[in-house]
């Protein structure tokens, strides 16, 4: 059987004809890009607490010394961002968290947990330099281990009932944060 004849040949010819149309090329390229992004996101979050699992509770201090228990935030969804003061990507994402907080207003809590820092002064300096206007909690190795965070930034979306709904690792735009919050 010669190449290009029969059903396979007709399919190849039809595909080549379709690929000449710009909208088909763009559609295939966008679908492939979406598939790659979805696969990378699934791989990055594979070890994190899964969707629908109870969020690991914690009691952490704020920079001013107050204690905050995650359970006390129930009743509203929580956007919980883990970051480190030395993390360049965290610095880029910080303003997106501030914007998200202003967008969601009182309908959700936007809270961050600083981990992997050497000194509280590193955290204070980060907060001041980045004009952080959302609550910052001082995490430790225990909370980092309980949440299985080993990459920064890592953002969790916790339901009003205290269940992890989804997570994202790495830089996330305001649109990406808002979209995940609305899901």
C-alpha atoms as a PDB file:
ATOM      1  CA  UNK A   1       0.000   0.000   0.000  1.00  0.00           C
ATOM      2  CA  UNK A   2       1.411   3.345  -0.976  1.00  0.00           C
ATOM      3  CA  UNK A   3       1.779   6.184   1.496  1.00  0.00           C
ATOM      4  CA  UNK A   4      -0.969   8.746   1.139  1.00  0.00           C
ATOM      5  CA  UNK A   5      -3.618   6.400  -0.250  1.00  0.00           C
ATOM      6  CA  UNK A   6      -6.670   5.003   1.425  1.00  0.00           C
ATOM      7  CA  UNK A   7      -8.421   6.290   4.541  1.00  0.00           C
ATOM      8  CA  UNK A   8      -5.207   7.337   6.269  1.00  0.00           C
ATOM      9  CA  UNK A   9      -4.116   9.341   3.234  1.00  0.00           C
ATOM     10  CA  UNK A  10      -7.494  11.093   3.027  1.00  0.00           C
ATOM     11  CA  UNK A  11      -7.305  11.947   6.723  1.00  0.00           C
ATOM     12  CA  UNK A  12      -3.787  13.348   6.313  1.00  0.00           C
ATOM     13  CA  UNK A  13      -4.883  15.455   3.344  1.00  0.00           C
ATOM     14  CA  UNK A  14      -7.925  16.779   5.247  1.00  0.00           C
ATOM     15  CA  UNK A  15      -5.743  17.625   8.257  1.00  0.00           C
ATOM     16  CA  UNK A  16      -3.175  19.455   6.110  1.00  0.00           C
ATOM     17  CA  UNK A  17      -5.996  21.390   4.466  1.00  0.00           C
ATOM     18  CA  UNK A  18      -7.500  22.321   7.844  1.00  0.00           C
ATOM     19  CA  UNK A  19      -4.104  23.396   9.243  1.00  0.00           C
ATOM     20  CA  UNK A  20      -3.888  26.013   6.486  1.00  0.00           C
ATOM     21  CA  UNK A  21      -6.756  27.871   8.144  1.00  0.00           C
ATOM     22  CA  UNK A  22      -5.479  30.308  10.816  1.00  0.00           C
ATOM     23  CA  UNK A  23      -8.255  29.589  13.296  1.00  0.00           C
ATOM     24  CA  UNK A  24      -7.553  25.862  13.211  1.00  0.00           C
ATOM     25  CA  UNK A  25      -3.822  26.459  13.804  1.00  0.00           C
ATOM     26  CA  UNK A  26      -4.543  28.827  16.680  1.00  0.00           C
ATOM     27  CA  UNK A  27      -7.179  26.526  18.164  1.00  0.00           C
ATOM     28  CA  UNK A  28      -4.866  23.519  18.102  1.00  0.00           C
ATOM     29  CA  UNK A  29      -1.983  25.552  19.520  1.00  0.00           C
ATOM     30  CA  UNK A  30      -4.149  26.980  22.327  1.00  0.00           C
ATOM     31  CA  UNK A  31      -5.578  23.546  23.177  1.00  0.00           C
ATOM     32  CA  UNK A  32      -2.062  22.117  23.311  1.00  0.00           C
ATOM     33  CA  UNK A  33      -0.886  25.000  25.525  1.00  0.00           C
ATOM     34  CA  UNK A  34      -3.867  24.506  27.879  1.00  0.00           C
ATOM     35  CA  UNK A  35      -3.079  20.788  28.085  1.00  0.00           C
ATOM     36  CA  UNK A  36       0.571  21.508  28.939  1.00  0.00           C
ATOM     37  CA  UNK A  37      -0.346  24.100  31.606  1.00  0.00           C
ATOM     38  CA  UNK A  38      -2.883  21.705  33.142  1.00  0.00           C
ATOM     39  CA  UNK A  39      -0.351  18.862  33.209  1.00  0.00           C
ATOM     40  CA  UNK A  40       2.372  21.040  34.780  1.00  0.00           C
ATOM     41  CA  UNK A  41      -0.056  22.359  37.419  1.00  0.00           C
ATOM     42  CA  UNK A  42      -1.198  18.832  38.272  1.00  0.00           C
ATOM     43  CA  UNK A  43       2.412  17.704  38.598  1.00  0.00           C
ATOM     44  CA  UNK A  44       3.402  20.694  40.778  1.00  0.00           C
ATOM     45  CA  UNK A  45       0.508  20.185  43.200  1.00  0.00           C
ATOM     46  CA  UNK A  46       0.610  16.378  43.328  1.00  0.00           C
ATOM     47  CA  UNK A  47       1.929  16.201  46.926  1.00  0.00           C
ATOM     48  CA  UNK A  48      -0.177  19.024  48.369  1.00  0.00           C
ATOM     49  CA  UNK A  49      -3.347  18.395  50.379  1.00  0.00           C
ATOM     50  CA  UNK A  50      -5.958  17.340  47.842  1.00  0.00           C
ATOM     51  CA  UNK A  51      -9.244  18.876  46.886  1.00  0.00           C
ATOM     52  CA  UNK A  52     -11.934  18.305  49.499  1.00  0.00           C
ATOM     53  CA  UNK A  53      -9.527  17.293  52.267  1.00  0.00           C
ATOM     54  CA  UNK A  54      -9.735  19.070  55.628  1.00  0.00           C
ATOM     55  CA  UNK A  55      -7.265  21.949  55.796  1.00  0.00           C
ATOM     56  CA  UNK A  56      -4.523  21.255  58.354  1.00  0.00           C
ATOM     57  CA  UNK A  57      -5.285  23.533  61.294  1.00  0.00           C
ATOM     58  CA  UNK A  58      -2.659  25.765  62.867  1.00  0.00           C
ATOM     59  CA  UNK A  59      -2.232  28.492  65.427  1.00  0.00           C
ATOM     60  CA  UNK A  60       0.363  31.055  64.353  1.00  0.00           C
ATOM     61  CA  UNK A  61       1.514  34.472  65.511  1.00  0.00           C
ATOM     62  CA  UNK A  62       1.156  37.661  63.522  1.00  0.00           C
ATOM     63  CA  UNK A  63       4.017  40.158  63.296  1.00  0.00           C
ATOM     64  CA  UNK A  64       2.374  42.072  66.151  1.00  0.00           C
ATOM     65  CA  UNK A  65       2.277  38.958  68.351  1.00  0.00           C
ATOM     66  CA  UNK A  66      -1.428  38.083  68.142  1.00  0.00           C
ATOM     67  CA  UNK A  67      -2.387  34.421  67.742  1.00  0.00           C
ATOM     68  CA  UNK A  68      -4.496  33.363  64.766  1.00  0.00           C
ATOM     69  CA  UNK A  69      -6.004  29.917  64.420  1.00  0.00           C
ATOM     70  CA  UNK A  70      -7.014  28.829  60.927  1.00  0.00           C
ATOM     71  CA  UNK A  71     -10.249  27.407  62.318  1.00  0.00           C
ATOM     72  CA  UNK A  72     -11.223  30.910  63.504  1.00  0.00           C
ATOM     73  CA  UNK A  73     -11.395  32.019  59.853  1.00  0.00           C
ATOM     74  CA  UNK A  74     -14.159  29.561  58.970  1.00  0.00           C
ATOM     75  CA  UNK A  75     -17.388  30.991  57.626  1.00  0.00           C
ATOM     76  CA  UNK A  76     -15.643  32.658  54.686  1.00  0.00           C
ATOM     77  CA  UNK A  77     -13.345  31.221  52.010  1.00  0.00           C
ATOM     78  CA  UNK A  78      -9.633  31.635  52.752  1.00  0.00           C
ATOM     79  CA  UNK A  79      -6.878  32.353  50.263  1.00  0.00           C
ATOM     80  CA  UNK A  80      -3.769  31.141  52.086  1.00  0.00           C
ATOM     81  CA  UNK A  81      -0.407  32.039  50.537  1.00  0.00           C
ATOM     82  CA  UNK A  82       2.854  30.475  51.731  1.00  0.00           C
ATOM     83  CA  UNK A  83       5.988  32.466  50.892  1.00  0.00           C
ATOM     84  CA  UNK A  84       9.568  33.098  51.920  1.00  0.00           C
ATOM     85  CA  UNK A  85      11.255  36.529  52.267  1.00  0.00           C
ATOM     86  CA  UNK A  86      14.129  35.521  49.969  1.00  0.00           C
ATOM     87  CA  UNK A  87      11.804  34.312  47.183  1.00  0.00           C
ATOM     88  CA  UNK A  88      11.892  36.585  44.137  1.00  0.00           C
ATOM     89  CA  UNK A  89       8.701  35.136  42.651  1.00  0.00           C
ATOM     90  CA  UNK A  90       6.919  35.733  45.973  1.00  0.00           C
ATOM     91  CA  UNK A  91       7.869  39.401  45.715  1.00  0.00           C
ATOM     92  CA  UNK A  92       6.282  39.581  42.265  1.00  0.00           C
ATOM     93  CA  UNK A  93       3.103  37.871  43.443  1.00  0.00           C
ATOM     94  CA  UNK A  94       2.715  39.956  46.612  1.00  0.00           C
ATOM     95  CA  UNK A  95       0.959  42.845  44.874  1.00  0.00           C
ATOM     96  CA  UNK A  96      -1.473  40.379  43.258  1.00  0.00           C
ATOM     97  CA  UNK A  97      -2.473  39.154  46.719  1.00  0.00           C
ATOM     98  CA  UNK A  98      -3.041  42.763  47.810  1.00  0.00           C
ATOM     99  CA  UNK A  99      -5.183  43.409  44.745  1.00  0.00           C
ATOM    100  CA  UNK A 100      -7.124  40.189  45.322  1.00  0.00           C
ATOM    101  CA  UNK A 101      -7.802  41.267  48.890  1.00  0.00           C
ATOM    102  CA  UNK A 102      -9.246  44.564  47.636  1.00  0.00           C
ATOM    103  CA  UNK A 103     -11.308  42.772  44.969  1.00  0.00           C
ATOM    104  CA  UNK A 104     -12.853  40.155  47.301  1.00  0.00           C
ATOM    105  CA  UNK A 105     -13.340  42.616  50.147  1.00  0.00           C
ATOM    106  CA  UNK A 106     -15.129  41.094  53.121  1.00  0.00           C
ATOM    107  CA  UNK A 107     -16.319  38.027  51.192  1.00  0.00           C
ATOM    108  CA  UNK A 108     -13.073  36.107  51.840  1.00  0.00           C
ATOM    109  CA  UNK A 109      -9.943  36.142  53.966  1.00  0.00           C
ATOM    110  CA  UNK A 110      -6.627  36.702  52.197  1.00  0.00           C
ATOM    111  CA  UNK A 111      -3.877  35.584  54.572  1.00  0.00           C
ATOM    112  CA  UNK A 112      -0.224  34.753  54.084  1.00  0.00           C
ATOM    113  CA  UNK A 113       2.187  32.551  55.981  1.00  0.00           C
ATOM    114  CA  UNK A 114       5.880  33.444  55.956  1.00  0.00           C
ATOM    115  CA  UNK A 115       8.067  30.344  56.217  1.00  0.00           C
ATOM    116  CA  UNK A 116      11.679  29.432  55.530  1.00  0.00           C
ATOM    117  CA  UNK A 117      13.001  32.656  57.060  1.00  0.00           C
ATOM    118  CA  UNK A 118      16.038  33.012  59.286  1.00  0.00           C
ATOM    119  CA  UNK A 119      14.897  35.986  61.340  1.00  0.00           C
ATOM    120  CA  UNK A 120      11.572  37.721  61.948  1.00  0.00           C
ATOM    121  CA  UNK A 121      13.280  40.945  60.867  1.00  0.00           C
ATOM    122  CA  UNK A 122      13.602  39.434  57.366  1.00  0.00           C
ATOM    123  CA  UNK A 123       9.819  39.073  57.308  1.00  0.00           C
ATOM    124  CA  UNK A 124       9.260  42.601  58.649  1.00  0.00           C
ATOM    125  CA  UNK A 125      11.596  44.031  56.016  1.00  0.00           C
ATOM    126  CA  UNK A 126       9.769  42.124  53.243  1.00  0.00           C
ATOM    127  CA  UNK A 127       6.383  43.372  54.490  1.00  0.00           C
ATOM    128  CA  UNK A 128       7.611  46.967  54.589  1.00  0.00           C
ATOM    129  CA  UNK A 129       9.379  46.879  51.199  1.00  0.00           C
ATOM    130  CA  UNK A 130       6.413  45.230  49.461  1.00  0.00           C
ATOM    131  CA  UNK A 131       3.737  47.377  51.196  1.00  0.00           C
ATOM    132  CA  UNK A 132       1.948  44.209  52.283  1.00  0.00           C
ATOM    133  CA  UNK A 133      -1.578  45.055  53.402  1.00  0.00           C
ATOM    134  CA  UNK A 134      -2.862  41.538  54.096  1.00  0.00           C
ATOM    135  CA  UNK A 135      -2.308  39.593  57.324  1.00  0.00           C
ATOM    136  CA  UNK A 136       1.100  37.917  57.623  1.00  0.00           C
ATOM    137  CA  UNK A 137       1.468  34.942  59.935  1.00  0.00           C
ATOM    138  CA  UNK A 138       4.819  33.616  61.094  1.00  0.00           C
ATOM    139  CA  UNK A 139       4.990  29.983  60.085  1.00  0.00           C
ATOM    140  CA  UNK A 140       7.444  27.310  61.112  1.00  0.00           C
ATOM    141  CA  UNK A 141       8.730  23.963  59.867  1.00  0.00           C
ATOM    142  CA  UNK A 142       5.698  22.214  61.386  1.00  0.00           C
ATOM    143  CA  UNK A 143       3.076  24.169  59.458  1.00  0.00           C
ATOM    144  CA  UNK A 144       5.184  23.944  56.312  1.00  0.00           C
ATOM    145  CA  UNK A 145       5.374  20.153  56.753  1.00  0.00           C
ATOM    146  CA  UNK A 146       1.642  19.811  57.586  1.00  0.00           C
ATOM    147  CA  UNK A 147       0.710  21.683  54.412  1.00  0.00           C
ATOM    148  CA  UNK A 148       3.480  19.873  52.447  1.00  0.00           C
ATOM    149  CA  UNK A 149       4.828  23.142  51.053  1.00  0.00           C
ATOM    150  CA  UNK A 150       8.280  22.856  49.511  1.00  0.00           C
ATOM    151  CA  UNK A 151       8.031  25.429  46.715  1.00  0.00           C
ATOM    152  CA  UNK A 152       7.337  29.150  46.951  1.00  0.00           C
ATOM    153  CA  UNK A 153       4.938  30.737  46.487  1.00  0.00           C
ATOM    154  CA  UNK A 154       2.223  28.151  47.108  1.00  0.00           C
ATOM    155  CA  UNK A 155      -1.357  29.373  47.411  1.00  0.00           C
ATOM    156  CA  UNK A 156      -4.245  27.336  48.789  1.00  0.00           C
ATOM    157  CA  UNK A 157      -7.932  28.081  48.372  1.00  0.00           C
ATOM    158  CA  UNK A 158      -9.813  26.850  51.436  1.00  0.00           C
ATOM    159  CA  UNK A 159     -13.608  26.664  51.551  1.00  0.00           C
ATOM    160  CA  UNK A 160     -15.695  28.406  54.190  1.00  0.00           C
ATOM    161  CA  UNK A 161     -16.116  24.965  55.774  1.00  0.00           C
ATOM    162  CA  UNK A 162     -12.348  24.480  56.130  1.00  0.00           C
ATOM    163  CA  UNK A 163     -11.634  22.145  53.209  1.00  0.00           C
ATOM    164  CA  UNK A 164      -8.821  22.588  50.708  1.00  0.00           C
ATOM    165  CA  UNK A 165     -10.477  23.270  47.356  1.00  0.00           C
ATOM    166  CA  UNK A 166      -7.436  23.810  45.140  1.00  0.00           C
ATOM    167  CA  UNK A 167      -3.828  24.917  45.192  1.00  0.00           C
ATOM    168  CA  UNK A 168      -1.407  26.596  42.852  1.00  0.00           C
ATOM    169  CA  UNK A 169       2.386  26.671  42.914  1.00  0.00           C
ATOM    170  CA  UNK A 170       4.500  29.478  41.489  1.00  0.00           C
ATOM    171  CA  UNK A 171       3.616  32.926  40.223  1.00  0.00           C
ATOM    172  CA  UNK A 172      -0.093  33.532  39.754  1.00  0.00           C
ATOM    173  CA  UNK A 173      -1.589  36.640  38.204  1.00  0.00           C
ATOM    174  CA  UNK A 174      -4.483  38.532  39.764  1.00  0.00           C
ATOM    175  CA  UNK A 175      -6.743  37.017  37.101  1.00  0.00           C
ATOM    176  CA  UNK A 176      -5.482  33.528  37.983  1.00  0.00           C
ATOM    177  CA  UNK A 177      -6.031  34.089  41.704  1.00  0.00           C
ATOM    178  CA  UNK A 178      -9.510  35.538  41.157  1.00  0.00           C
ATOM    179  CA  UNK A 179     -10.482  32.760  38.759  1.00  0.00           C
ATOM    180  CA  UNK A 180      -9.413  30.059  41.224  1.00  0.00           C
ATOM    181  CA  UNK A 181     -11.162  31.869  44.077  1.00  0.00           C
ATOM    182  CA  UNK A 182     -14.418  32.029  42.098  1.00  0.00           C
ATOM    183  CA  UNK A 183     -14.388  28.338  41.095  1.00  0.00           C
END
